[in-house]
Amino acid sequence: MKSRNLVLGSVLGAGLLAGGLVLAQNPPAPDVDPVRHPHLASAQKHILEAFDSLTHAQQANDFDLEGHAAHAKQLLEEASREVKESARASNHRR
């Protein structure tokens, strides 16, 4: 019974890890208007560059970075969304 639970837990954990890697592979879309918000658009550009650098680091290390690069990519996606919200807030204020 213990070995069955261990195998089931291992398979489930591997599936969650693979799912997280797949979700973290979509680069954030640069969606801030650079004419209207040049500084925010620049920030999004740097976020995308960082995301790409993490992807290269993952590939160079056979995706064996203990999930830290994938987590960093998730945080970069969140940062990109917050930059977009900053632009929206500025648009509403004007």
C-alpha atoms as a PDB file:
ATOM      1  CA  MET A   1       0.000   0.000   0.000  1.00  0.00           C
ATOM      2  CA  LYS A   2       2.832   2.395   0.841  1.00  0.00           C
ATOM      3  CA  SER A   3       4.609   1.747  -2.460  1.00  0.00           C
ATOM      4  CA  ARG A   4       1.380   2.339  -4.365  1.00  0.00           C
ATOM      5  CA  ASN A   5       0.904   5.719  -2.625  1.00  0.00           C
ATOM      6  CA  LEU A   6       4.541   6.589  -3.290  1.00  0.00           C
ATOM      7  CA  VAL A   7       4.199   5.804  -7.007  1.00  0.00           C
ATOM      8  CA  LEU A   8       0.899   7.670  -7.243  1.00  0.00           C
ATOM      9  CA  GLY A   9       2.373  10.685  -5.446  1.00  0.00           C
ATOM     10  CA  SER A  10       5.437  10.667  -7.689  1.00  0.00           C
ATOM     11  CA  VAL A  11       3.351  10.501 -10.859  1.00  0.00           C
ATOM     12  CA  LEU A  12       1.037  13.231  -9.629  1.00  0.00           C
ATOM     13  CA  GLY A  13       3.997  15.439  -8.642  1.00  0.00           C
ATOM     14  CA  ALA A  14       5.675  14.940 -12.018  1.00  0.00           C
ATOM     15  CA  GLY A  15       2.436  15.848 -13.769  1.00  0.00           C
ATOM     16  CA  LEU A  16       2.080  19.050 -11.764  1.00  0.00           C
ATOM     17  CA  LEU A  17       5.693  19.986 -12.473  1.00  0.00           C
ATOM     18  CA  ALA A  18       5.255  19.367 -16.202  1.00  0.00           C
ATOM     19  CA  GLY A  19       2.041  21.406 -16.188  1.00  0.00           C
ATOM     20  CA  GLY A  20       3.827  24.265 -14.457  1.00  0.00           C
ATOM     21  CA  LEU A  21       6.620  24.182 -17.007  1.00  0.00           C
ATOM     22  CA  VAL A  22       4.153  24.300 -19.865  1.00  0.00           C
ATOM     23  CA  LEU A  23       2.291  27.240 -18.332  1.00  0.00           C
ATOM     24  CA  ALA A  24       5.523  29.108 -17.712  1.00  0.00           C
ATOM     25  CA  GLN A  25       6.677  28.778 -21.311  1.00  0.00           C
ATOM     26  CA  ASN A  26       4.385  31.430 -22.783  1.00  0.00           C
ATOM     27  CA  PRO A  27       6.229  34.752 -22.921  1.00  0.00           C
ATOM     28  CA  PRO A  28       4.287  37.798 -21.763  1.00  0.00           C
ATOM     29  CA  ALA A  29       2.905  39.835 -24.630  1.00  0.00           C
ATOM     30  CA  PRO A  30       4.152  43.411 -24.914  1.00  0.00           C
ATOM     31  CA  ASP A  31       0.794  45.181 -24.961  1.00  0.00           C
ATOM     32  CA  VAL A  32       1.534  48.701 -23.684  1.00  0.00           C
ATOM     33  CA  ASP A  33       1.421  51.449 -26.302  1.00  0.00           C
ATOM     34  CA  PRO A  34       5.023  52.745 -26.607  1.00  0.00           C
ATOM     35  CA  VAL A  35       3.822  56.112 -27.969  1.00  0.00           C
ATOM     36  CA  ARG A  36       1.480  56.763 -25.062  1.00  0.00           C
ATOM     37  CA  HIS A  37       3.570  55.126 -22.315  1.00  0.00           C
ATOM     38  CA  PRO A  38       7.224  54.913 -23.410  1.00  0.00           C
ATOM     39  CA  HIS A  39       8.579  54.071 -19.948  1.00  0.00           C
ATOM     40  CA  LEU A  40       6.025  51.353 -19.267  1.00  0.00           C
ATOM     41  CA  ALA A  41       6.541  49.888 -22.748  1.00  0.00           C
ATOM     42  CA  SER A  42      10.282  49.852 -22.067  1.00  0.00           C
ATOM     43  CA  ALA A  43       9.670  48.024 -18.785  1.00  0.00           C
ATOM     44  CA  GLN A  44       7.611  45.404 -20.605  1.00  0.00           C
ATOM     45  CA  LYS A  45      10.383  45.022 -23.177  1.00  0.00           C
ATOM     46  CA  HIS A  46      12.890  44.344 -20.398  1.00  0.00           C
ATOM     47  CA  ILE A  47      10.502  41.844 -18.797  1.00  0.00           C
ATOM     48  CA  LEU A  48      10.296  39.961 -22.106  1.00  0.00           C
ATOM     49  CA  GLU A  49      14.100  40.013 -22.434  1.00  0.00           C
ATOM     50  CA  ALA A  50      14.432  38.586 -18.920  1.00  0.00           C
ATOM     51  CA  PHE A  51      11.855  35.911 -19.750  1.00  0.00           C
ATOM     52  CA  ASP A  52      13.813  34.955 -22.873  1.00  0.00           C
ATOM     53  CA  SER A  53      17.080  34.825 -20.908  1.00  0.00           C
ATOM     54  CA  LEU A  54      15.476  32.475 -18.391  1.00  0.00           C
ATOM     55  CA  THR A  55      14.277  30.258 -21.235  1.00  0.00           C
ATOM     56  CA  HIS A  56      17.850  30.065 -22.578  1.00  0.00           C
ATOM     57  CA  ALA A  57      19.144  29.262 -19.087  1.00  0.00           C
ATOM     58  CA  GLN A  58      16.580  26.477 -18.733  1.00  0.00           C
ATOM     59  CA  GLN A  59      17.561  25.005 -22.086  1.00  0.00           C
ATOM     60  CA  ALA A  60      21.278  25.226 -21.270  1.00  0.00           C
ATOM     61  CA  ASN A  61      20.643  23.344 -18.025  1.00  0.00           C
ATOM     62  CA  ASP A  62      18.276  20.732 -19.480  1.00  0.00           C
ATOM     63  CA  PHE A  63      15.408  22.375 -17.574  1.00  0.00           C
ATOM     64  CA  ASP A  64      16.977  21.210 -14.300  1.00  0.00           C
ATOM     65  CA  LEU A  65      16.902  24.397 -12.231  1.00  0.00           C
ATOM     66  CA  GLU A  66      14.689  22.932  -9.483  1.00  0.00           C
ATOM     67  CA  GLY A  67      11.692  24.954 -10.642  1.00  0.00           C
ATOM     68  CA  HIS A  68      13.249  28.304  -9.748  1.00  0.00           C
ATOM     69  CA  ALA A  69      13.500  29.570 -13.335  1.00  0.00           C
ATOM     70  CA  ALA A  70       9.912  28.496 -14.010  1.00  0.00           C
ATOM     71  CA  HIS A  71       8.787  30.362 -10.890  1.00  0.00           C
ATOM     72  CA  ALA A  72      10.755  33.439 -11.953  1.00  0.00           C
ATOM     73  CA  LYS A  73       9.001  33.291 -15.334  1.00  0.00           C
ATOM     74  CA  GLN A  74       5.624  33.181 -13.604  1.00  0.00           C
ATOM     75  CA  LEU A  75       6.588  36.265 -11.610  1.00  0.00           C
ATOM     76  CA  LEU A  76       7.675  38.021 -14.812  1.00  0.00           C
ATOM     77  CA  GLU A  77       4.283  37.254 -16.366  1.00  0.00           C
ATOM     78  CA  GLU A  78       2.652  38.796 -13.295  1.00  0.00           C
ATOM     79  CA  ALA A  79       4.945  41.833 -13.542  1.00  0.00           C
ATOM     80  CA  SER A  80       3.991  42.308 -17.185  1.00  0.00           C
ATOM     81  CA  ARG A  81       0.298  42.233 -16.269  1.00  0.00           C
ATOM     82  CA  GLU A  82       0.915  44.834 -13.544  1.00  0.00           C
ATOM     83  CA  VAL A  83       2.725  47.086 -16.020  1.00  0.00           C
ATOM     84  CA  LYS A  84      -0.304  46.819 -18.313  1.00  0.00           C
ATOM     85  CA  GLU A  85      -2.587  47.722 -15.393  1.00  0.00           C
ATOM     86  CA  SER A  86      -0.366  50.726 -14.682  1.00  0.00           C
ATOM     87  CA  ALA A  87      -0.916  51.926 -18.241  1.00  0.00           C
ATOM     88  CA  ARG A  88      -4.674  51.418 -17.880  1.00  0.00           C
ATOM     89  CA  ALA A  89      -4.685  53.370 -14.622  1.00  0.00           C
ATOM     90  CA  SER A  90      -2.820  56.209 -16.312  1.00  0.00           C
ATOM     91  CA  ASN A  91      -5.292  56.144 -19.206  1.00  0.00           C
ATOM     92  CA  HIS A  92      -8.272  56.436 -16.815  1.00  0.00           C
ATOM     93  CA  ARG A  93      -6.650  59.245 -14.899  1.00  0.00           C
ATOM     94  CA  ARG A  94      -6.269  61.419 -18.005  1.00  0.00           C
END
